[in-house]
PDB file of N, CA and C in Angstrom:
ATOM      1  N   UNK A   1       0.834  -1.180   0.000  1.00  0.00           N
ATOM      2  CA  UNK A   1       0.000   0.000   0.000  1.00  0.00           C
ATOM      3  C   UNK A   1       0.876   1.241   0.000  1.00  0.00           C
ATOM      4  N   UNK A   2       0.372   2.275  -0.606  1.00  0.00           N
ATOM      5  CA  UNK A   2       1.108   3.534  -0.668  1.00  0.00           C
ATOM      6  C   UNK A   2       0.648   4.428   0.492  1.00  0.00           C
ATOM      7  N   UNK A   3       1.567   5.149   1.068  1.00  0.00           N
ATOM      8  CA  UNK A   3       1.230   5.989   2.219  1.00  0.00           C
ATOM      9  C   UNK A   3       0.640   7.329   1.773  1.00  0.00           C
ATOM     10  N   UNK A   4      -0.108   7.934   2.648  1.00  0.00           N
ATOM     11  CA  UNK A   4      -0.707   9.247   2.385  1.00  0.00           C
ATOM     12  C   UNK A   4       0.384  10.273   2.096  1.00  0.00           C
ATOM     13  N   UNK A   5       1.476  10.177   2.821  1.00  0.00           N
ATOM     14  CA  UNK A   5       2.577  11.127   2.630  1.00  0.00           C
ATOM     15  C   UNK A   5       3.149  11.030   1.217  1.00  0.00           C
ATOM     16  N   UNK A   6       3.268   9.807   0.705  1.00  0.00           N
ATOM     17  CA  UNK A   6       3.797   9.640  -0.652  1.00  0.00           C
ATOM     18  C   UNK A   6       2.814  10.172  -1.694  1.00  0.00           C
ATOM     19  N   UNK A   7       1.522  10.015  -1.448  1.00  0.00           N
ATOM     20  CA  UNK A   7       0.514  10.563  -2.360  1.00  0.00           C
ATOM     21  C   UNK A   7       0.592  12.084  -2.359  1.00  0.00           C
ATOM     22  N   UNK A   8       0.686  12.669  -1.180  1.00  0.00           N
ATOM     23  CA  UNK A   8       0.774  14.129  -1.076  1.00  0.00           C
ATOM     24  C   UNK A   8       2.032  14.630  -1.770  1.00  0.00           C
ATOM     25  N   UNK A   9       3.141  13.950  -1.577  1.00  0.00           N
ATOM     26  CA  UNK A   9       4.396  14.337  -2.219  1.00  0.00           C
ATOM     27  C   UNK A   9       4.281  14.233  -3.739  1.00  0.00           C
ATOM     28  N   UNK A  10       3.621  13.184  -4.210  1.00  0.00           N
ATOM     29  CA  UNK A  10       3.440  13.009  -5.656  1.00  0.00           C
ATOM     30  C   UNK A  10       2.617  14.155  -6.240  1.00  0.00           C
ATOM     31  N   UNK A  11       1.562  14.544  -5.543  1.00  0.00           N
ATOM     32  CA  UNK A  11       0.721  15.653  -6.018  1.00  0.00           C
ATOM     33  C   UNK A  11       1.510  16.959  -6.001  1.00  0.00           C
ATOM     34  N   UNK A  12       2.298  17.174  -4.957  1.00  0.00           N
ATOM     35  CA  UNK A  12       3.114  18.390  -4.881  1.00  0.00           C
ATOM     36  C   UNK A  12       4.116  18.469  -6.026  1.00  0.00           C
ATOM     37  N   UNK A  13       4.613  17.321  -6.490  1.00  0.00           N
ATOM     38  CA  UNK A  13       5.612  17.295  -7.554  1.00  0.00           C
ATOM     39  C   UNK A  13       5.009  17.345  -8.955  1.00  0.00           C
ATOM     40  N   UNK A  14       3.694  17.309  -9.043  1.00  0.00           N
ATOM     41  CA  UNK A  14       3.044  17.408 -10.349  1.00  0.00           C
ATOM     42  C   UNK A  14       3.093  18.866 -10.810  1.00  0.00           C
ATOM     43  N   UNK A  15       2.995  19.093 -12.129  1.00  0.00           N
ATOM     44  CA  UNK A  15       2.936  20.473 -12.617  1.00  0.00           C
ATOM     45  C   UNK A  15       1.696  21.185 -12.076  1.00  0.00           C
ATOM     46  N   UNK A  16       1.640  22.492 -12.244  1.00  0.00           N
ATOM     47  CA  UNK A  16       0.516  23.276 -11.737  1.00  0.00           C
ATOM     48  C   UNK A  16      -0.820  22.767 -12.280  1.00  0.00           C
ATOM     49  N   UNK A  17      -0.826  22.373 -13.542  1.00  0.00           N
ATOM     50  CA  UNK A  17      -2.031  21.801 -14.150  1.00  0.00           C
ATOM     51  C   UNK A  17      -1.691  20.419 -14.685  1.00  0.00           C
ATOM     52  N   UNK A  18      -2.543  19.457 -14.402  1.00  0.00           N
ATOM     53  CA  UNK A  18      -2.321  18.092 -14.866  1.00  0.00           C
ATOM     54  C   UNK A  18      -3.653  17.385 -14.975  1.00  0.00           C
ATOM     55  N   UNK A  19      -3.659  16.315 -15.744  1.00  0.00           N
ATOM     56  CA  UNK A  19      -4.897  15.547 -15.910  1.00  0.00           C
ATOM     57  C   UNK A  19      -4.999  14.496 -14.806  1.00  0.00           C
ATOM     58  N   UNK A  20      -6.200  14.068 -14.582  1.00  0.00           N
ATOM     59  CA  UNK A  20      -6.432  12.989 -13.622  1.00  0.00           C
ATOM     60  C   UNK A  20      -5.711  11.728 -14.093  1.00  0.00           C
ATOM     61  N   UNK A  21      -5.687  11.513 -15.408  1.00  0.00           N
ATOM     62  CA  UNK A  21      -4.987  10.351 -15.952  1.00  0.00           C
ATOM     63  C   UNK A  21      -3.500  10.394 -15.599  1.00  0.00           C
ATOM     64  N   UNK A  22      -2.877  11.572 -15.715  1.00  0.00           N
ATOM     65  CA  UNK A  22      -1.462  11.697 -15.367  1.00  0.00           C
ATOM     66  C   UNK A  22      -1.238  11.392 -13.886  1.00  0.00           C
ATOM     67  N   UNK A  23      -2.113  11.901 -13.040  1.00  0.00           N
ATOM     68  CA  UNK A  23      -1.991  11.643 -11.607  1.00  0.00           C
ATOM     69  C   UNK A  23      -2.180  10.162 -11.301  1.00  0.00           C
ATOM     70  N   UNK A  24      -3.172   9.545 -11.925  1.00  0.00           N
ATOM     71  CA  UNK A  24      -3.413   8.124 -11.686  1.00  0.00           C
ATOM     72  C   UNK A  24      -2.223   7.291 -12.151  1.00  0.00           C
ATOM     73  N   UNK A  25      -1.642   7.638 -13.307  1.00  0.00           N
ATOM     74  CA  UNK A  25      -0.457   6.923 -13.780  1.00  0.00           C
ATOM     75  C   UNK A  25       0.674   7.012 -12.765  1.00  0.00           C
ATOM     76  N   UNK A  26       0.883   8.204 -12.224  1.00  0.00           N
ATOM     77  CA  UNK A  26       1.952   8.413 -11.236  1.00  0.00           C
ATOM     78  C   UNK A  26       1.681   7.593  -9.976  1.00  0.00           C
ATOM     79  N   UNK A  27       0.442   7.626  -9.490  1.00  0.00           N
ATOM     80  CA  UNK A  27       0.097   6.889  -8.275  1.00  0.00           C
ATOM     81  C   UNK A  27       0.189   5.379  -8.482  1.00  0.00           C
ATOM     82  N   UNK A  28      -0.233   4.902  -9.647  1.00  0.00           N
ATOM     83  CA  UNK A  28      -0.118   3.470  -9.934  1.00  0.00           C
ATOM     84  C   UNK A  28       1.338   3.040  -9.976  1.00  0.00           C
ATOM     85  N   UNK A  29       2.199   3.859 -10.597  1.00  0.00           N
ATOM     86  CA  UNK A  29       3.619   3.547 -10.634  1.00  0.00           C
ATOM     87  C   UNK A  29       4.201   3.500  -9.223  1.00  0.00           C
ATOM     88  N   UNK A  30       3.894   4.507  -8.411  1.00  0.00           N
ATOM     89  CA  UNK A  30       4.394   4.528  -7.037  1.00  0.00           C
ATOM     90  C   UNK A  30       3.919   3.312  -6.254  1.00  0.00           C
ATOM     91  N   UNK A  31       2.666   2.923  -6.457  1.00  0.00           N
ATOM     92  CA  UNK A  31       2.123   1.755  -5.761  1.00  0.00           C
ATOM     93  C   UNK A  31       2.848   0.481  -6.192  1.00  0.00           C
ATOM     94  N   UNK A  32       3.107   0.347  -7.486  1.00  0.00           N
ATOM     95  CA  UNK A  32       3.817  -0.838  -7.970  1.00  0.00           C
ATOM     96  C   UNK A  32       5.238  -0.894  -7.424  1.00  0.00           C
ATOM     97  N   UNK A  33       5.870   0.256  -7.307  1.00  0.00           N
ATOM     98  CA  UNK A  33       7.210   0.304  -6.726  1.00  0.00           C
ATOM     99  C   UNK A  33       7.160  -0.135  -5.264  1.00  0.00           C
ATOM    100  N   UNK A  34       6.175   0.364  -4.529  1.00  0.00           N
ATOM    101  CA  UNK A  34       6.025  -0.026  -3.121  1.00  0.00           C
ATOM    102  C   UNK A  34       5.811  -1.539  -2.992  1.00  0.00           C
ATOM    103  N   UNK A  35       4.975  -2.096  -3.857  1.00  0.00           N
ATOM    104  CA  UNK A  35       4.721  -3.538  -3.824  1.00  0.00           C
ATOM    105  C   UNK A  35       6.013  -4.298  -4.108  1.00  0.00           C
ATOM    106  N   UNK A  36       6.765  -3.848  -5.116  1.00  0.00           N
ATOM    107  CA  UNK A  36       8.029  -4.503  -5.453  1.00  0.00           C
ATOM    108  C   UNK A  36       9.029  -4.456  -4.314  1.00  0.00           C
ATOM    109  N   UNK A  37       9.124  -3.316  -3.651  1.00  0.00           N
ATOM    110  CA  UNK A  37      10.030  -3.194  -2.509  1.00  0.00           C
ATOM    111  C   UNK A  37       9.609  -4.112  -1.371  1.00  0.00           C
ATOM    112  N   UNK A  38       8.307  -4.181  -1.122  1.00  0.00           N
ATOM    113  CA  UNK A  38       7.783  -5.073  -0.077  1.00  0.00           C
ATOM    114  C   UNK A  38       8.111  -6.526  -0.407  1.00  0.00           C
ATOM    115  N   UNK A  39       7.871  -6.924  -1.666  1.00  0.00           N
ATOM    116  CA  UNK A  39       8.136  -8.297  -2.077  1.00  0.00           C
ATOM    117  C   UNK A  39       9.622  -8.622  -1.962  1.00  0.00           C
ATOM    118  N   UNK A  40      10.455  -7.689  -2.357  1.00  0.00           N
ATOM    119  CA  UNK A  40      11.896  -7.897  -2.276  1.00  0.00           C
ATOM    120  C   UNK A  40      12.342  -8.062  -0.825  1.00  0.00           C
ATOM    121  N   UNK A  41      11.814  -7.206   0.039  1.00  0.00           N
ATOM    122  CA  UNK A  41      12.160  -7.249   1.456  1.00  0.00           C
ATOM    123  C   UNK A  41      11.756  -8.579   2.090  1.00  0.00           C
ATOM    124  N   UNK A  42      10.662  -9.155   1.605  1.00  0.00           N
ATOM    125  CA  UNK A  42      10.140 -10.400   2.185  1.00  0.00           C
ATOM    126  C   UNK A  42      10.561 -11.641   1.408  1.00  0.00           C
ATOM    127  N   UNK A  43      11.548 -11.498   0.546  1.00  0.00           N
ATOM    128  CA  UNK A  43      12.071 -12.649  -0.168  1.00  0.00           C
ATOM    129  C   UNK A  43      11.157 -13.216  -1.233  1.00  0.00           C
ATOM    130  N   UNK A  44      10.194 -12.428  -1.666  1.00  0.00           N
ATOM    131  CA  UNK A  44       9.250 -12.884  -2.690  1.00  0.00           C
ATOM    132  C   UNK A  44       9.792 -12.519  -4.077  1.00  0.00           C
ATOM    133  N   UNK A  45      10.972 -13.038  -4.398  1.00  0.00           N
ATOM    134  CA  UNK A  45      11.620 -12.719  -5.664  1.00  0.00           C
ATOM    135  C   UNK A  45      11.985 -14.003  -6.400  1.00  0.00           C
ATOM    136  N   UNK A  46      12.401 -13.843  -7.648  1.00  0.00           N
ATOM    137  CA  UNK A  46      12.831 -14.961  -8.468  1.00  0.00           C
ATOM    138  C   UNK A  46      14.269 -14.731  -8.904  1.00  0.00           C
ATOM    139  N   UNK A  47      15.016 -15.807  -9.053  1.00  0.00           N
ATOM    140  CA  UNK A  47      16.358 -15.688  -9.600  1.00  0.00           C
ATOM    141  C   UNK A  47      16.235 -15.443 -11.104  1.00  0.00           C
ATOM    142  N   UNK A  48      17.324 -15.047 -11.716  1.00  0.00           N
ATOM    143  CA  UNK A  48      17.334 -14.821 -13.160  1.00  0.00           C
ATOM    144  C   UNK A  48      16.973 -16.101 -13.889  1.00  0.00           C
ATOM    145  N   UNK A  49      17.519 -17.211 -13.433  1.00  0.00           N
ATOM    146  CA  UNK A  49      17.234 -18.499 -14.076  1.00  0.00           C
ATOM    147  C   UNK A  49      15.755 -18.867 -13.957  1.00  0.00           C
ATOM    148  N   UNK A  50      15.165 -18.641 -12.788  1.00  0.00           N
ATOM    149  CA  UNK A  50      13.739 -18.930 -12.610  1.00  0.00           C
ATOM    150  C   UNK A  50      12.903 -18.058 -13.537  1.00  0.00           C
ATOM    151  N   UNK A  51      13.274 -16.799 -13.650  1.00  0.00           N
ATOM    152  CA  UNK A  51      12.534 -15.876 -14.512  1.00  0.00           C
ATOM    153  C   UNK A  51      12.648 -16.302 -15.977  1.00  0.00           C
ATOM    154  N   UNK A  52      13.851 -16.689 -16.404  1.00  0.00           N
ATOM    155  CA  UNK A  52      14.038 -17.142 -17.783  1.00  0.00           C
ATOM    156  C   UNK A  52      13.177 -18.370 -18.072  1.00  0.00           C
ATOM    157  N   UNK A  53      13.124 -19.305 -17.122  1.00  0.00           N
ATOM    158  CA  UNK A  53      12.327 -20.506 -17.291  1.00  0.00           C
ATOM    159  C   UNK A  53      10.840 -20.150 -17.405  1.00  0.00           C
ATOM    160  N   UNK A  54      10.358 -19.236 -16.581  1.00  0.00           N
ATOM    161  CA  UNK A  54       8.956 -18.816 -16.645  1.00  0.00           C
ATOM    162  C   UNK A  54       8.639 -18.167 -17.997  1.00  0.00           C
ATOM    163  N   UNK A  55       9.559 -17.326 -18.478  1.00  0.00           N
ATOM    164  CA  UNK A  55       9.352 -16.670 -19.767  1.00  0.00           C
ATOM    165  C   UNK A  55       9.282 -17.701 -20.893  1.00  0.00           C
ATOM    166  N   UNK A  56      10.165 -18.689 -20.845  1.00  0.00           N
ATOM    167  CA  UNK A  56      10.139 -19.759 -21.845  1.00  0.00           C
ATOM    168  C   UNK A  56       8.798 -20.474 -21.837  1.00  0.00           C
ATOM    169  N   UNK A  57       8.289 -20.765 -20.658  1.00  0.00           N
ATOM    170  CA  UNK A  57       7.000 -21.469 -20.544  1.00  0.00           C
ATOM    171  C   UNK A  57       5.853 -20.589 -21.048  1.00  0.00           C
ATOM    172  N   UNK A  58       5.886 -19.308 -20.762  1.00  0.00           N
ATOM    173  CA  UNK A  58       4.832 -18.398 -21.199  1.00  0.00           C
ATOM    174  C   UNK A  58       4.859 -18.181 -22.712  1.00  0.00           C
ATOM    175  N   UNK A  59       6.061 -18.311 -23.300  1.00  0.00           N
ATOM    176  CA  UNK A  59       6.228 -18.040 -24.726  1.00  0.00           C
ATOM    177  C   UNK A  59       5.738 -19.184 -25.611  1.00  0.00           C
ATOM    178  N   UNK A  60       5.427 -20.318 -25.036  1.00  0.00           N
ATOM    179  CA  UNK A  60       5.001 -21.489 -25.822  1.00  0.00           C
ATOM    180  C   UNK A  60       3.635 -21.306 -26.400  1.00  0.00           C
TER     181      UNK A  60
END
């Protein structure tokens, strides 16, 4: 989950005028980064070899 502080910071860093779509894109990216950091911290990652094997299976 993304924190309120990070959302506020993201809005502060947006240009004076922006679309809702631009804001949503920024928030979705920040949320995905937070999820990735959480997964990495908790060992929920794959080795390069595991990832290559998964890609091979998906490509069939």
